[in-house]
Amino acid sequence: MLGGLAALGAGGALASMVPAPAFGALPVRRRPGDRPDGTRPEGTDTLPKIEHIVVLMMENHTYDNYFGVLGRGDGFRRDDHGKPKNTNPDGKGNRIRAFHMPSTCQLDHEPSQTWNASHISLGKNRKNQGFVKASGPVAMGYFNKKDIPFYYSLARTFPLLDRYFSSCLAQTYPNRKFLMAGTAVGQISTDVSQIGKAPPPNGTIFDRLNDHKISWADYATNLPQVALFPPVANGNPDKIKKIDQFYTDAAQGTLPSVSFVDPDFVGDGSEENNADIRVGEQFAARVINAVMQGKAWSKTLLIWTYDEGGGYYDHVTPPKAIKPDNIPPQIEVPPDEPGGYDRYGFRVPTVIVSPYAKKHYVSHKVHDHTSVLKLIETKWNLPALTYRDANASNLLDSLNLHKKPAFLDPPELTEAPGRTDCVEGQPGTIPPASAVIKQS
């Protein structure tokens, strides 16, 4: 979660381009400062059919945790009865099978997405067999269509991205920094004391937008995520708006060119444990429906995604990634697990919502949060911030901009029912006895 972002520290000036990091065998075709189209000047609008980009990032769920039984995309392996076959050892001689969560509420502080828990979950053999050891049996829990009907309807209607990974094996702050700056700037945890201490060497996407007078806003329910970069937040107070203004602007078709939309990080609306996930789903549904019913729907692209997996199981090993820069993670080994920013984090649920979205499409292309940066950079031919976004995919494989929009008439999605009668922090019996496979 974003925690106490109210304390905005002082920030430094933009620094020069960072030197090239050592990348190993991964192909590095572009560098920080490179434009997507080197033949055209910065600020050129290369995607005029898309006038508004909306980024809705929720909290702490993996692809399998939400869409393992969706029946579309790369989910769980299932037996003849449709029951997931995926398991993890519990460190006590047993295995825990993926199981349906007893309610839409979650445990307090479990599972964990800390640096150490994430790397233990990945495992030294990188086979994603350490989730239960890192976080307990709840890591193998998943939700289904009855729990989150709006999300299932969304993922069965619009392009689903089943190779969209968080940007690093760490918590909220580093992953959201990747979303806005293409680098974690060494941060590995949600540590409020680090806010403002290490400004990104080449600035943020907001600086790039300001350079070309491209409009943007962070619509915050309570804590604006742009506050992770105090110089940006303090220097653009007019661009930090209340969430109610988002609904008004969406309805009137007056959203800025780029909108970041933030859920309730203080209460229970972000879907982080111990919350009832239906509260967050209802918020996301309101945002997405506001865009689809708004006057500018025909010219809009919305990305619905999650910052990181929250410690829940996912069966796909995060692949190696291009390091953003030479700034190392702030770890000490031991006690910290070894690792770096040269590997993606676990997959997170992601859907592209636009009238130009492809029907019946599942993207198997590797994406991460810096793909959002690359999309924005591609739209206005802006120079890359780091090596990661310079070489990222741009999400355009999910769109068809050369044909009549498939969703010009917005589809009607299943209603999000909202809060249930479960008690937050007390989801029910975890794990159910049927999920424990005794080893002889």
Protein backbone atom coordinates (compact mmCIF):
# COMPACT_ATOMS: atom_id res chain seq x y z
CA MET A 1 0.00 0.00 0.00
CA LEU A 2 1.07 3.62 -0.31
CA GLY A 3 1.06 4.22 3.43
CA GLY A 4 1.92 7.67 4.79
CA LEU A 5 2.54 9.63 1.64
CA ALA A 6 1.42 12.82 3.35
CA ALA A 7 5.03 13.57 4.26
CA LEU A 8 6.42 14.88 0.99
CA GLY A 9 10.16 15.42 1.13
CA ALA A 10 12.37 17.65 -0.93
CA GLY A 11 13.63 16.35 -4.26
CA GLY A 12 16.66 16.93 -6.43
CA ALA A 13 17.01 18.28 -9.93
CA LEU A 14 17.02 16.00 -12.93
CA ALA A 15 20.37 14.36 -13.47
CA SER A 16 22.10 13.37 -16.67
CA MET A 17 21.54 10.08 -18.44
CA VAL A 18 22.79 7.08 -16.51
CA PRO A 19 25.59 4.97 -17.99
CA ALA A 20 24.77 1.67 -19.63
CA PRO A 21 24.42 -1.18 -17.13
CA ALA A 22 25.78 -4.63 -17.77
CA PHE A 23 22.95 -6.56 -19.38
CA GLY A 24 24.34 -9.99 -20.10
CA ALA A 25 22.71 -11.75 -23.04
CA LEU A 26 19.51 -9.70 -23.21
CA PRO A 27 19.25 -7.58 -26.37
CA VAL A 28 19.43 -3.84 -25.71
CA ARG A 29 18.32 -1.98 -28.81
CA ARG A 30 17.50 1.41 -27.30
CA ARG A 31 18.96 3.69 -24.67
CA PRO A 32 17.58 6.33 -22.30
CA GLY A 33 16.81 9.43 -24.33
CA ASP A 34 15.97 7.48 -27.48
CA ARG A 35 12.65 8.35 -29.10
CA PRO A 36 10.34 5.55 -30.30
CA ASP A 37 10.54 7.09 -33.79
CA GLY A 38 13.93 8.64 -34.34
CA THR A 39 12.85 10.23 -37.61
CA ARG A 40 10.28 12.52 -35.99
CA PRO A 41 10.68 15.21 -33.33
CA GLU A 42 9.71 14.88 -29.69
CA GLY A 43 6.09 15.69 -28.97
CA THR A 44 4.81 14.36 -32.30
CA ASP A 45 1.41 12.70 -31.90
CA THR A 46 1.82 9.33 -33.58
CA LEU A 47 -1.50 7.86 -32.37
CA PRO A 48 -4.10 10.57 -33.07
CA LYS A 49 -7.03 8.16 -32.73
CA ILE A 50 -6.21 7.79 -29.02
CA GLU A 51 -6.55 11.12 -27.21
CA HIS A 52 -6.86 9.92 -23.62
CA ILE A 53 -4.80 7.29 -21.78
CA VAL A 54 -6.12 6.21 -18.37
CA VAL A 55 -4.04 4.10 -15.98
CA LEU A 56 -5.93 2.31 -13.19
CA MET A 57 -3.53 0.38 -10.96
CA MET A 58 -4.94 -1.62 -8.05
CA GLU A 59 -3.07 -3.53 -5.32
CA ASN A 60 -1.58 -6.94 -4.65
CA HIS A 61 -2.96 -9.82 -6.69
CA THR A 62 -1.39 -12.21 -9.16
CA TYR A 63 -2.81 -13.39 -12.44
CA ASP A 64 -3.50 -16.89 -11.08
CA ASN A 65 -5.01 -15.54 -7.87
CA TYR A 66 -7.70 -13.79 -9.89
CA PHE A 67 -7.77 -15.51 -13.30
CA GLY A 68 -6.34 -18.98 -12.67
CA VAL A 69 -9.79 -20.50 -13.39
CA LEU A 70 -10.97 -17.90 -15.89
CA GLY A 71 -10.76 -20.39 -18.76
CA ARG A 72 -9.04 -17.83 -20.96
CA GLY A 73 -5.32 -17.17 -21.06
CA ASP A 74 -2.62 -19.13 -19.22
CA GLY A 75 -4.14 -20.14 -15.90
CA PHE A 76 -3.98 -23.19 -13.67
CA ARG A 77 -3.48 -26.71 -14.93
CA ARG A 78 -6.74 -28.45 -14.09
CA ASP A 79 -7.91 -32.03 -13.70
CA ASP A 80 -10.94 -33.63 -15.34
CA HIS A 81 -13.19 -32.06 -12.72
CA GLY A 82 -11.83 -28.57 -13.32
CA LYS A 83 -9.90 -28.59 -10.05
CA PRO A 84 -6.47 -26.87 -10.11
CA LYS A 85 -3.52 -29.25 -10.04
CA ASN A 86 -0.91 -26.64 -9.13
CA THR A 87 0.73 -27.16 -5.73
CA ASN A 88 3.51 -25.82 -3.51
CA PRO A 89 5.44 -27.56 -0.71
CA ASP A 90 4.69 -26.32 2.79
CA GLY A 91 8.13 -27.15 4.23
CA LYS A 92 6.57 -29.75 6.51
CA GLY A 93 6.53 -32.66 4.10
CA ASN A 94 3.15 -31.84 2.55
CA ARG A 95 2.01 -29.98 -0.54
CA ILE A 96 -0.74 -27.37 -0.67
CA ARG A 97 -3.00 -27.46 -3.71
CA ALA A 98 -4.40 -24.22 -5.13
CA PHE A 99 -7.78 -23.75 -3.46
CA HIS A 100 -10.79 -21.47 -3.76
CA MET A 101 -10.73 -18.83 -1.02
CA PRO A 102 -13.56 -19.35 1.49
CA SER A 103 -14.71 -15.72 1.11
CA THR A 104 -13.75 -12.47 -0.58
CA CYS A 105 -12.04 -11.23 2.57
CA GLN A 106 -8.34 -11.82 3.14
CA LEU A 107 -6.01 -12.52 6.03
CA ASP A 108 -4.19 -9.77 7.91
CA HIS A 109 -0.61 -9.29 6.61
CA GLU A 110 -0.62 -12.58 4.71
CA PRO A 111 0.56 -13.40 2.16
CA SER A 112 3.68 -11.23 1.84
CA GLN A 113 5.21 -9.45 -1.14
CA THR A 114 8.38 -8.21 0.56
CA TRP A 115 11.70 -8.50 -1.25
CA ASN A 116 12.66 -11.61 0.73
CA ALA A 117 9.24 -13.26 0.49
CA SER A 118 9.10 -12.63 -3.26
CA HIS A 119 12.53 -14.14 -3.87
CA ILE A 120 11.78 -17.11 -1.62
CA SER A 121 8.53 -17.60 -3.56
CA LEU A 122 10.49 -17.65 -6.81
CA GLY A 123 12.99 -20.10 -5.32
CA LYS A 124 16.62 -20.69 -6.10
CA ASN A 125 15.60 -23.00 -8.96
CA ARG A 126 13.19 -20.29 -10.22
CA LYS A 127 10.22 -22.66 -10.39
CA ASN A 128 7.81 -20.67 -8.20
CA GLN A 129 7.79 -23.37 -5.55
CA GLY A 130 8.39 -21.22 -2.47
CA PHE A 131 5.11 -19.35 -2.03
CA VAL A 132 3.83 -21.38 0.93
CA LYS A 133 7.26 -21.36 2.58
CA ALA A 134 7.37 -17.57 2.22
CA SER A 135 3.80 -16.69 3.13
CA GLY A 136 1.90 -19.69 4.45
CA PRO A 137 -0.92 -21.71 2.83
CA VAL A 138 -3.03 -18.64 2.00
CA ALA A 139 -0.64 -17.94 -0.86
CA MET A 140 -2.32 -20.79 -2.77
CA GLY A 141 -5.80 -19.30 -2.47
CA TYR A 142 -7.62 -17.99 -5.54
CA PHE A 143 -10.87 -16.25 -6.40
CA ASN A 144 -13.38 -17.07 -9.13
CA LYS A 145 -16.26 -15.66 -11.18
CA LYS A 146 -18.70 -15.73 -8.26
CA ASP A 147 -16.30 -13.68 -6.16
CA ILE A 148 -15.33 -11.03 -8.72
CA PRO A 149 -17.96 -11.15 -11.50
CA PHE A 150 -17.14 -7.73 -12.92
CA TYR A 151 -13.48 -8.59 -13.37
CA TYR A 152 -14.34 -11.90 -15.03
CA SER A 153 -16.70 -10.12 -17.40
CA LEU A 154 -14.00 -7.53 -18.16
CA ALA A 155 -11.34 -10.17 -18.83
CA ARG A 156 -13.64 -12.21 -21.07
CA THR A 157 -14.64 -9.16 -23.13
CA PHE A 158 -11.53 -7.06 -23.67
CA PRO A 159 -7.92 -8.08 -24.44
CA LEU A 160 -6.41 -10.02 -21.57
CA LEU A 161 -2.62 -9.86 -21.07
CA ASP A 162 -1.37 -13.15 -19.67
CA ARG A 163 2.31 -12.18 -19.80
CA TYR A 164 2.06 -8.83 -18.04
CA PHE A 165 4.52 -8.92 -15.14
CA SER A 166 5.12 -6.49 -12.31
CA SER A 167 8.42 -4.72 -12.84
CA CYS A 168 10.41 -6.22 -9.97
CA LEU A 169 10.20 -8.80 -7.19
CA ALA A 170 9.34 -6.28 -4.51
CA GLN A 171 6.58 -4.21 -2.91
CA THR A 172 4.32 -1.33 -3.90
CA TYR A 173 6.71 1.63 -3.88
CA PRO A 174 9.38 0.16 -6.15
CA ASN A 175 6.81 -1.15 -8.61
CA ARG A 176 4.88 2.12 -8.75
CA LYS A 177 8.16 3.95 -9.23
CA PHE A 178 8.80 1.73 -12.24
CA LEU A 179 5.35 2.73 -13.52
CA MET A 180 6.13 6.44 -13.32
CA ALA A 181 9.92 6.62 -13.78
CA GLY A 182 11.09 3.32 -15.28
CA THR A 183 13.27 2.59 -12.24
CA ALA A 184 12.92 1.79 -8.54
CA VAL A 185 15.94 4.02 -7.82
CA GLY A 186 17.27 1.33 -5.48
CA GLN A 187 14.12 1.02 -3.35
CA ILE A 188 12.94 -2.47 -2.47
CA SER A 189 10.15 -1.86 0.03
CA THR A 190 7.23 0.34 0.98
CA ASP A 191 9.43 2.51 3.18
CA VAL A 192 8.05 6.01 3.70
CA SER A 193 11.44 7.23 4.93
CA GLN A 194 12.84 6.71 1.42
CA ILE A 195 10.40 9.11 -0.26
CA GLY A 196 12.34 11.95 -1.85
CA LYS A 197 15.77 10.57 -0.95
CA ALA A 198 16.69 9.25 -4.39
CA PRO A 199 15.15 11.13 -7.30
CA PRO A 200 15.20 9.20 -10.58
CA PRO A 201 18.25 10.28 -12.62
CA ASN A 202 16.21 11.13 -15.71
CA GLY A 203 13.00 12.30 -14.07
CA THR A 204 9.52 10.87 -14.45
CA ILE A 205 6.98 10.54 -17.20
CA PHE A 206 5.26 13.62 -15.75
CA ASP A 207 8.37 15.69 -16.44
CA ARG A 208 8.36 14.46 -20.03
CA LEU A 209 4.69 15.40 -20.40
CA ASN A 210 5.27 18.83 -18.89
CA ASP A 211 8.15 19.45 -21.28
CA HIS A 212 5.68 19.28 -24.16
CA LYS A 213 2.67 20.80 -22.39
CA ILE A 214 0.80 17.49 -22.59
CA SER A 215 -1.99 17.49 -20.00
CA TRP A 216 -2.05 14.95 -17.18
CA ALA A 217 -3.61 14.42 -13.76
CA ASP A 218 -3.40 12.08 -10.79
CA TYR A 219 -6.97 11.51 -9.56
CA ALA A 220 -6.56 10.42 -5.96
CA THR A 221 -9.12 8.91 -3.61
CA ASN A 222 -6.90 9.94 -0.69
CA LEU A 223 -3.16 9.43 -1.33
CA PRO A 224 -1.86 10.41 -4.80
CA GLN A 225 0.78 7.98 -6.04
CA VAL A 226 2.67 10.84 -7.72
CA ALA A 227 3.66 11.83 -4.16
CA LEU A 228 6.30 9.10 -4.38
CA PHE A 229 8.19 11.81 -6.26
CA PRO A 230 7.87 14.95 -4.06
CA PRO A 231 9.31 17.41 -6.62
CA VAL A 232 6.62 16.35 -9.08
CA ALA A 233 3.80 16.48 -6.53
CA ASN A 234 4.93 19.79 -5.04
CA GLY A 235 5.55 21.31 -8.45
CA ASN A 236 2.19 20.32 -9.95
CA PRO A 237 -0.48 20.85 -7.28
CA ASP A 238 -3.06 21.70 -9.93
CA LYS A 239 -2.63 18.24 -11.44
CA ILE A 240 -3.48 16.34 -8.27
CA LYS A 241 -7.27 16.08 -8.29
CA LYS A 242 -9.93 14.38 -6.20
CA ILE A 243 -11.51 11.19 -7.47
CA ASP A 244 -14.94 12.80 -7.81
CA GLN A 245 -13.44 15.13 -10.40
CA PHE A 246 -12.47 12.08 -12.44
CA TYR A 247 -16.07 10.96 -12.78
CA THR A 248 -17.09 14.47 -13.81
CA ASP A 249 -14.29 14.81 -16.34
CA ALA A 250 -14.93 11.34 -17.77
CA ALA A 251 -18.64 12.06 -18.20
CA GLN A 252 -17.98 15.37 -19.92
CA GLY A 253 -15.18 14.04 -22.11
CA THR A 254 -12.67 16.45 -20.57
CA LEU A 255 -10.12 14.05 -19.13
CA PRO A 256 -6.51 15.14 -19.67
CA SER A 257 -4.28 13.36 -22.17
CA VAL A 258 -2.93 11.07 -19.42
CA SER A 259 -4.82 10.14 -16.23
CA PHE A 260 -3.56 8.11 -13.30
CA VAL A 261 -6.45 6.94 -11.10
CA ASP A 262 -5.74 5.87 -7.52
CA PRO A 263 -7.97 3.72 -5.27
CA ASP A 264 -8.51 4.12 -1.53
CA PHE A 265 -5.08 3.30 -0.10
CA VAL A 266 -6.02 4.29 3.45
CA GLY A 267 -9.23 2.30 3.82
CA ASP A 268 -10.23 -0.99 2.23
CA GLY A 269 -10.69 -0.02 -1.40
CA SER A 270 -7.37 -1.04 -2.94
CA GLU A 271 -7.86 -4.86 -2.63
CA GLU A 272 -4.78 -5.29 -0.46
CA ASN A 273 -5.09 -7.75 2.43
CA ASN A 274 -6.98 -7.72 4.75
CA ALA A 275 -9.70 -6.04 2.65
CA ASP A 276 -12.82 -7.47 1.08
CA ILE A 277 -11.75 -7.48 -2.57
CA ARG A 278 -15.29 -6.70 -3.72
CA VAL A 279 -14.94 -3.16 -2.38
CA GLY A 280 -12.00 -2.52 -4.70
CA GLU A 281 -13.71 -4.28 -7.56
CA GLN A 282 -16.69 -1.97 -7.20
CA PHE A 283 -14.38 1.07 -7.31
CA ALA A 284 -12.63 -0.22 -10.44
CA ALA A 285 -15.98 -0.95 -12.05
CA ARG A 286 -17.14 2.60 -11.43
CA VAL A 287 -13.95 4.01 -12.98
CA ILE A 288 -14.09 1.74 -16.02
CA ASN A 289 -17.80 2.28 -16.60
CA ALA A 290 -17.32 6.05 -16.27
CA VAL A 291 -14.77 5.91 -19.08
CA MET A 292 -16.91 3.70 -21.30
CA GLN A 293 -20.01 5.86 -20.81
CA GLY A 294 -18.14 9.15 -21.09
CA LYS A 295 -18.26 11.49 -24.06
CA ALA A 296 -14.66 10.74 -25.04
CA TRP A 297 -14.93 6.92 -24.99
CA SER A 298 -14.36 6.72 -28.74
CA LYS A 299 -10.86 8.21 -28.26
CA THR A 300 -9.77 6.55 -25.02
CA LEU A 301 -7.51 3.69 -23.92
CA LEU A 302 -7.64 2.43 -20.32
CA ILE A 303 -5.16 0.04 -18.71
CA TRP A 304 -6.43 -1.88 -15.68
CA THR A 305 -3.60 -3.58 -13.79
CA TYR A 306 -2.00 -4.25 -10.37
CA ASP A 307 1.25 -3.03 -8.85
CA GLU A 308 2.45 -6.47 -7.71
CA GLY A 309 1.16 -9.88 -6.76
CA GLY A 310 0.84 -9.39 -3.01
CA GLY A 311 2.45 -12.76 -2.25
CA TYR A 312 -0.25 -14.85 -3.91
CA TYR A 313 0.81 -17.80 -6.07
CA ASP A 314 1.41 -17.63 -9.79
CA HIS A 315 2.74 -20.52 -11.84
CA VAL A 316 4.65 -18.57 -14.53
CA THR A 317 8.30 -17.88 -13.76
CA PRO A 318 9.11 -14.19 -14.21
CA PRO A 319 11.63 -13.93 -17.04
CA LYS A 320 14.86 -12.00 -17.02
CA ALA A 321 14.50 -8.29 -17.64
CA ILE A 322 16.72 -5.47 -18.80
CA LYS A 323 18.12 -3.55 -15.86
CA PRO A 324 16.83 0.02 -15.91
CA ASP A 325 20.13 1.54 -14.80
CA ASN A 326 23.18 0.89 -12.61
CA ILE A 327 21.43 1.76 -9.34
CA PRO A 328 21.57 -1.42 -7.19
CA PRO A 329 18.80 -2.51 -4.83
CA GLN A 330 19.24 -1.41 -1.22
CA ILE A 331 19.90 -4.88 0.15
CA GLU A 332 22.48 -6.53 2.35
CA VAL A 333 23.06 -10.23 1.71
CA PRO A 334 22.50 -11.81 4.19
CA PRO A 335 19.97 -11.24 5.73
CA ASP A 336 18.38 -10.13 2.45
CA GLU A 337 17.86 -12.54 -0.40
CA PRO A 338 20.18 -11.91 -3.35
CA GLY A 339 18.66 -10.39 -6.47
CA GLY A 340 18.45 -7.32 -8.63
CA TYR A 341 16.29 -5.43 -11.08
CA ASP A 342 17.27 -7.79 -13.89
CA ARG A 343 14.17 -9.97 -13.48
CA TYR A 344 10.46 -9.10 -13.65
CA GLY A 345 8.12 -9.67 -10.74
CA PHE A 346 5.19 -12.11 -10.84
CA ARG A 347 2.34 -11.74 -13.32
CA VAL A 348 -0.53 -9.43 -12.42
CA PRO A 349 -4.07 -9.23 -13.87
CA THR A 350 -4.15 -6.75 -16.76
CA VAL A 351 -6.80 -5.85 -19.35
CA ILE A 352 -6.76 -3.22 -22.11
CA VAL A 353 -10.08 -1.36 -22.36
CA SER A 354 -10.67 0.70 -25.51
CA PRO A 355 -13.07 0.94 -28.44
CA TYR A 356 -10.06 -0.05 -30.56
CA ALA A 357 -9.36 -3.17 -28.49
CA LYS A 358 -9.18 -6.44 -30.42
CA LYS A 359 -12.06 -8.84 -29.93
CA HIS A 360 -11.32 -12.33 -28.61
CA TYR A 361 -7.67 -11.43 -28.03
CA VAL A 362 -5.24 -12.69 -25.43
CA SER A 363 -1.80 -11.11 -25.53
CA HIS A 364 1.08 -13.48 -24.83
CA LYS A 365 3.65 -10.75 -25.37
CA VAL A 366 5.85 -9.88 -22.38
CA HIS A 367 4.82 -6.59 -20.78
CA ASP A 368 5.52 -4.87 -17.49
CA HIS A 369 4.72 -1.50 -15.91
CA THR A 370 7.27 0.22 -18.12
CA SER A 371 5.13 -0.84 -21.08
CA VAL A 372 2.69 1.84 -19.90
CA LEU A 373 5.54 4.34 -20.11
CA LYS A 374 6.43 3.05 -23.55
CA LEU A 375 2.83 3.49 -24.69
CA ILE A 376 2.81 7.11 -23.54
CA GLU A 377 6.22 7.68 -25.09
CA THR A 378 5.07 6.08 -28.34
CA LYS A 379 1.95 8.23 -28.46
CA TRP A 380 3.91 11.49 -28.23
CA ASN A 381 7.34 10.27 -29.40
CA LEU A 382 8.90 11.09 -26.04
CA PRO A 383 12.47 10.06 -25.11
CA ALA A 384 12.85 7.02 -22.87
CA LEU A 385 13.64 7.48 -19.18
CA THR A 386 15.68 4.29 -18.58
CA TYR A 387 16.91 1.22 -20.39
CA ARG A 388 13.83 -0.67 -19.20
CA ASP A 389 11.18 1.53 -20.80
CA ALA A 390 13.41 2.19 -23.80
CA ASN A 391 13.23 -1.53 -24.63
CA ALA A 392 9.73 -2.32 -23.34
CA SER A 393 6.73 -3.37 -25.41
CA ASN A 394 4.12 -0.65 -25.93
CA LEU A 395 0.83 -2.58 -25.43
CA LEU A 396 -0.34 -1.78 -28.96
CA ASP A 397 -0.58 -5.46 -29.90
CA SER A 398 -3.97 -5.41 -28.11
CA LEU A 399 -5.36 -2.67 -30.37
CA ASN A 400 -6.44 -2.51 -33.98
CA LEU A 401 -6.24 1.14 -35.00
CA HIS A 402 -6.69 0.46 -38.70
CA LYS A 403 -10.21 -0.95 -38.63
CA LYS A 404 -13.58 0.19 -37.42
CA PRO A 405 -13.50 0.11 -33.59
CA ALA A 406 -14.88 -3.21 -32.33
CA PHE A 407 -16.20 -1.68 -29.10
CA LEU A 408 -17.39 1.73 -30.27
CA ASP A 409 -20.66 0.83 -28.58
CA PRO A 410 -19.39 0.02 -25.08
CA PRO A 411 -20.28 -3.50 -23.95
CA GLU A 412 -22.40 -4.06 -20.88
CA LEU A 413 -20.29 -5.74 -18.23
CA THR A 414 -21.51 -7.73 -15.23
CA GLU A 415 -22.26 -5.58 -12.21
CA ALA A 416 -19.78 -5.47 -9.33
CA PRO A 417 -21.84 -6.39 -6.24
CA GLY A 418 -19.62 -4.66 -3.68
CA ARG A 419 -19.01 -5.50 -0.03
CA THR A 420 -19.97 -8.93 1.29
CA ASP A 421 -20.79 -10.03 4.81
CA CYS A 422 -17.36 -11.56 5.43
CA VAL A 423 -15.23 -10.07 8.20
CA GLU A 424 -12.09 -8.34 6.98
CA GLY A 425 -9.04 -10.25 8.17
CA GLN A 426 -11.14 -13.39 8.76
CA PRO A 427 -11.82 -15.05 5.43
CA GLY A 428 -12.54 -18.49 6.84
CA THR A 429 -10.64 -21.76 7.16
CA ILE A 430 -7.27 -21.60 5.37
CA PRO A 431 -6.22 -23.97 4.00
CA PRO A 432 -9.26 -26.19 3.61
CA ALA A 433 -8.47 -29.81 4.47
CA SER A 434 -9.01 -30.81 0.85
CA ALA A 435 -6.08 -28.62 -0.25
CA VAL A 436 -3.49 -30.41 1.92
CA ILE A 437 -1.80 -33.29 0.11
CA LYS A 438 -0.10 -35.51 2.67
CA GLN A 439 3.23 -36.93 1.53
CA SER A 440 3.99 -40.51 2.47
